[in-house]
Amino acid sequence: MIQPSRKPIGWEKRYRELIELAKTMPALPEQYRDKAHEVGGCEATVWLYLDCQDKQRITVRFDSVSRIVKGLLALIQAELDGHSATDIAQFDIDELFANYGLTQQLTPSRANGLYNVSKVLKQRVAQCA
């Protein structure tokens, strides 16, 4: 897991860390890599799987065809997996980006896609809560 940033870290180093982090994510089963689990509004294809059987410990899983996006999703997944619907509803993606020194590093299109992922995640969790 990459560490939150207390001081500026070069994008190239953070980029490598995110790609390595993406490699550690468990594979999303092929059955969830479909239109029903796809998150629209992203340049790279993103899939989201939720297991809401236990409302206090929701399983959150992501996958993407893009390695860098997958690394960014791994940060979100690590932050929210196993948390309650209430915790997920209060998730602040801006705070996450700031904590990891990513706020200024993300392109507008990538940031918008990740904001959409956060929005869809919250909507889907609310539907299953």
C-alpha atoms as a PDB file:
ATOM      1  CA  MET A   1       0.000   0.000   0.000  1.00  0.00           C
ATOM      2  CA  ILE A   2       1.311   3.434  -0.799  1.00  0.00           C
ATOM      3  CA  GLN A   3       1.625   5.828   2.086  1.00  0.00           C
ATOM      4  CA  PRO A   4      -0.228   9.121   2.474  1.00  0.00           C
ATOM      5  CA  SER A   5       1.911  12.062   1.452  1.00  0.00           C
ATOM      6  CA  ARG A   6       3.177  14.539   4.032  1.00  0.00           C
ATOM      7  CA  LYS A   7       5.359  16.269   1.446  1.00  0.00           C
ATOM      8  CA  PRO A   8       5.202  16.553  -2.337  1.00  0.00           C
ATOM      9  CA  ILE A   9       6.106  13.360  -4.171  1.00  0.00           C
ATOM     10  CA  GLY A  10       6.885  13.368  -7.873  1.00  0.00           C
ATOM     11  CA  TRP A  11       4.139  12.098 -10.130  1.00  0.00           C
ATOM     12  CA  GLU A  12       6.463   9.554 -11.742  1.00  0.00           C
ATOM     13  CA  LYS A  13       7.151   7.925  -8.359  1.00  0.00           C
ATOM     14  CA  ARG A  14       3.473   8.002  -7.367  1.00  0.00           C
ATOM     15  CA  TYR A  15       2.537   6.612 -10.795  1.00  0.00           C
ATOM     16  CA  ARG A  16       4.871   3.619 -10.269  1.00  0.00           C
ATOM     17  CA  GLU A  17       3.469   3.086  -6.765  1.00  0.00           C
ATOM     18  CA  LEU A  18      -0.093   3.083  -8.087  1.00  0.00           C
ATOM     19  CA  ILE A  19       0.767   0.570 -10.818  1.00  0.00           C
ATOM     20  CA  GLU A  20       2.377  -1.709  -8.223  1.00  0.00           C
ATOM     21  CA  LEU A  21      -0.665  -1.307  -5.976  1.00  0.00           C
ATOM     22  CA  ALA A  22      -2.942  -2.267  -8.880  1.00  0.00           C
ATOM     23  CA  LYS A  23      -1.040  -5.548  -9.188  1.00  0.00           C
ATOM     24  CA  THR A  24      -1.924  -6.437  -5.594  1.00  0.00           C
ATOM     25  CA  MET A  25      -5.683  -6.174  -6.059  1.00  0.00           C
ATOM     26  CA  PRO A  26      -7.496  -9.494  -6.091  1.00  0.00           C
ATOM     27  CA  ALA A  27      -8.852 -10.320  -9.531  1.00  0.00           C
ATOM     28  CA  LEU A  28     -12.494  -9.467 -10.036  1.00  0.00           C
ATOM     29  CA  PRO A  29     -14.261 -12.661 -11.178  1.00  0.00           C
ATOM     30  CA  GLU A  30     -15.115 -12.555 -14.864  1.00  0.00           C
ATOM     31  CA  GLN A  31     -18.836 -12.857 -14.083  1.00  0.00           C
ATOM     32  CA  TYR A  32     -18.748  -9.327 -12.608  1.00  0.00           C
ATOM     33  CA  ARG A  33     -16.980  -7.801 -15.591  1.00  0.00           C
ATOM     34  CA  ASP A  34     -20.258  -7.086 -17.359  1.00  0.00           C
ATOM     35  CA  LYS A  35     -22.540  -4.135 -18.176  1.00  0.00           C
ATOM     36  CA  ALA A  36     -24.506  -4.545 -14.930  1.00  0.00           C
ATOM     37  CA  HIS A  37     -21.352  -3.901 -12.895  1.00  0.00           C
ATOM     38  CA  GLU A  38     -19.802  -1.302 -15.191  1.00  0.00           C
ATOM     39  CA  VAL A  39     -19.497   2.289 -13.967  1.00  0.00           C
ATOM     40  CA  GLY A  40     -20.320   4.717 -16.761  1.00  0.00           C
ATOM     41  CA  GLY A  41     -18.712   8.116 -17.158  1.00  0.00           C
ATOM     42  CA  CYS A  42     -15.101   6.934 -17.075  1.00  0.00           C
ATOM     43  CA  GLU A  43     -12.630   7.043 -19.952  1.00  0.00           C
ATOM     44  CA  ALA A  44     -11.271   3.632 -18.954  1.00  0.00           C
ATOM     45  CA  THR A  45     -13.727   0.824 -18.309  1.00  0.00           C
ATOM     46  CA  VAL A  46     -14.381   0.390 -14.579  1.00  0.00           C
ATOM     47  CA  TRP A  47     -16.365  -2.351 -12.878  1.00  0.00           C
ATOM     48  CA  LEU A  48     -17.779  -2.249  -9.350  1.00  0.00           C
ATOM     49  CA  TYR A  49     -18.952  -5.240  -7.334  1.00  0.00           C
ATOM     50  CA  LEU A  50     -20.625  -4.895  -3.943  1.00  0.00           C
ATOM     51  CA  ASP A  51     -21.625  -7.532  -1.420  1.00  0.00           C
ATOM     52  CA  CYS A  52     -24.096  -5.909   0.952  1.00  0.00           C
ATOM     53  CA  GLN A  53     -25.251  -8.968   2.875  1.00  0.00           C
ATOM     54  CA  ASP A  54     -23.723  -7.493   6.034  1.00  0.00           C
ATOM     55  CA  LYS A  55     -24.669  -3.800   6.044  1.00  0.00           C
ATOM     56  CA  GLN A  56     -21.968  -3.077   8.616  1.00  0.00           C
ATOM     57  CA  ARG A  57     -19.187  -4.713   6.540  1.00  0.00           C
ATOM     58  CA  ILE A  58     -19.828  -4.126   2.845  1.00  0.00           C
ATOM     59  CA  THR A  59     -17.434  -5.773   0.431  1.00  0.00           C
ATOM     60  CA  VAL A  60     -16.227  -3.324  -2.224  1.00  0.00           C
ATOM     61  CA  ARG A  61     -14.346  -4.594  -5.292  1.00  0.00           C
ATOM     62  CA  PHE A  62     -13.184  -2.703  -8.358  1.00  0.00           C
ATOM     63  CA  ASP A  63     -11.418  -3.491 -11.577  1.00  0.00           C
ATOM     64  CA  SER A  64     -10.362  -1.519 -14.634  1.00  0.00           C
ATOM     65  CA  VAL A  65      -8.625  -2.083 -17.931  1.00  0.00           C
ATOM     66  CA  SER A  66      -6.264   0.818 -17.109  1.00  0.00           C
ATOM     67  CA  ARG A  67      -3.392   0.058 -14.720  1.00  0.00           C
ATOM     68  CA  ILE A  68      -3.207   3.591 -13.336  1.00  0.00           C
ATOM     69  CA  VAL A  69      -6.981   3.786 -12.837  1.00  0.00           C
ATOM     70  CA  LYS A  70      -6.878   0.356 -11.218  1.00  0.00           C
ATOM     71  CA  GLY A  71      -4.234   1.659  -8.803  1.00  0.00           C
ATOM     72  CA  LEU A  72      -6.390   4.667  -7.950  1.00  0.00           C
ATOM     73  CA  LEU A  73      -9.373   2.363  -7.467  1.00  0.00           C
ATOM     74  CA  ALA A  74      -7.224   0.213  -5.169  1.00  0.00           C
ATOM     75  CA  LEU A  75      -6.823   3.256  -2.896  1.00  0.00           C
ATOM     76  CA  ILE A  76     -10.599   3.718  -2.762  1.00  0.00           C
ATOM     77  CA  GLN A  77     -11.145  -0.001  -2.231  1.00  0.00           C
ATOM     78  CA  ALA A  78      -8.600  -0.130   0.597  1.00  0.00           C
ATOM     79  CA  GLU A  79     -10.275   2.866   2.222  1.00  0.00           C
ATOM     80  CA  LEU A  80     -13.852   1.530   2.041  1.00  0.00           C
ATOM     81  CA  ASP A  81     -13.826  -2.270   1.851  1.00  0.00           C
ATOM     82  CA  GLY A  82     -15.379  -3.768   4.964  1.00  0.00           C
ATOM     83  CA  HIS A  83     -16.957  -0.507   6.115  1.00  0.00           C
ATOM     84  CA  SER A  84     -20.615   0.259   6.751  1.00  0.00           C
ATOM     85  CA  ALA A  85     -23.051   1.891   4.353  1.00  0.00           C
ATOM     86  CA  THR A  86     -22.939   4.977   6.583  1.00  0.00           C
ATOM     87  CA  ASP A  87     -19.135   5.190   6.362  1.00  0.00           C
ATOM     88  CA  ILE A  88     -19.256   4.800   2.584  1.00  0.00           C
ATOM     89  CA  ALA A  89     -21.951   7.502   2.283  1.00  0.00           C
ATOM     90  CA  GLN A  90     -19.618   9.897   4.136  1.00  0.00           C
ATOM     91  CA  PHE A  91     -16.558   9.056   2.012  1.00  0.00           C
ATOM     92  CA  ASP A  92     -14.780  12.181   0.756  1.00  0.00           C
ATOM     93  CA  ILE A  93     -12.766  11.457  -2.380  1.00  0.00           C
ATOM     94  CA  ASP A  94     -11.193  14.936  -2.270  1.00  0.00           C
ATOM     95  CA  GLU A  95      -9.751  14.143   1.151  1.00  0.00           C
ATOM     96  CA  LEU A  96      -8.402  10.828  -0.133  1.00  0.00           C
ATOM     97  CA  PHE A  97      -6.714  12.542  -3.094  1.00  0.00           C
ATOM     98  CA  ALA A  98      -5.235  15.204  -0.810  1.00  0.00           C
ATOM     99  CA  ASN A  99      -3.950  12.632   1.706  1.00  0.00           C
ATOM    100  CA  TYR A 100      -2.046  10.807  -1.027  1.00  0.00           C
ATOM    101  CA  GLY A 101      -0.765  13.937  -2.753  1.00  0.00           C
ATOM    102  CA  LEU A 102      -2.859  13.292  -5.857  1.00  0.00           C
ATOM    103  CA  THR A 103      -5.033  16.395  -6.039  1.00  0.00           C
ATOM    104  CA  GLN A 104      -2.750  18.292  -8.422  1.00  0.00           C
ATOM    105  CA  GLN A 105      -1.493  15.164 -10.183  1.00  0.00           C
ATOM    106  CA  LEU A 106      -4.732  13.884 -11.723  1.00  0.00           C
ATOM    107  CA  THR A 107      -5.848  15.068 -15.131  1.00  0.00           C
ATOM    108  CA  PRO A 108      -9.314  16.649 -15.131  1.00  0.00           C
ATOM    109  CA  SER A 109     -10.785  13.746 -17.123  1.00  0.00           C
ATOM    110  CA  ARG A 110      -9.307  11.131 -14.768  1.00  0.00           C
ATOM    111  CA  ALA A 111     -10.443  13.070 -11.684  1.00  0.00           C
ATOM    112  CA  ASN A 112     -13.958  13.438 -13.124  1.00  0.00           C
ATOM    113  CA  GLY A 113     -14.110   9.708 -13.808  1.00  0.00           C
ATOM    114  CA  LEU A 114     -13.064   8.930 -10.234  1.00  0.00           C
ATOM    115  CA  TYR A 115     -15.610  11.402  -8.844  1.00  0.00           C
ATOM    116  CA  ASN A 116     -18.209   9.532 -10.869  1.00  0.00           C
ATOM    117  CA  VAL A 117     -16.976   6.204  -9.462  1.00  0.00           C
ATOM    118  CA  SER A 118     -17.416   7.616  -5.943  1.00  0.00           C
ATOM    119  CA  LYS A 119     -20.905   8.868  -6.784  1.00  0.00           C
ATOM    120  CA  VAL A 120     -22.005   5.552  -8.326  1.00  0.00           C
ATOM    121  CA  LEU A 121     -20.497   3.623  -5.405  1.00  0.00           C
ATOM    122  CA  LYS A 122     -22.523   5.671  -2.938  1.00  0.00           C
ATOM    123  CA  GLN A 123     -25.699   5.289  -5.021  1.00  0.00           C
ATOM    124  CA  ARG A 124     -25.335   1.518  -5.270  1.00  0.00           C
ATOM    125  CA  VAL A 125     -24.556   1.148  -1.574  1.00  0.00           C
ATOM    126  CA  ALA A 126     -27.667   3.227  -0.746  1.00  0.00           C
ATOM    127  CA  GLN A 127     -29.770   0.918  -2.946  1.00  0.00           C
ATOM    128  CA  CYS A 128     -28.582  -2.193  -1.161  1.00  0.00           C
ATOM    129  CA  ALA A 129     -28.687  -0.689   2.347  1.00  0.00           C
END
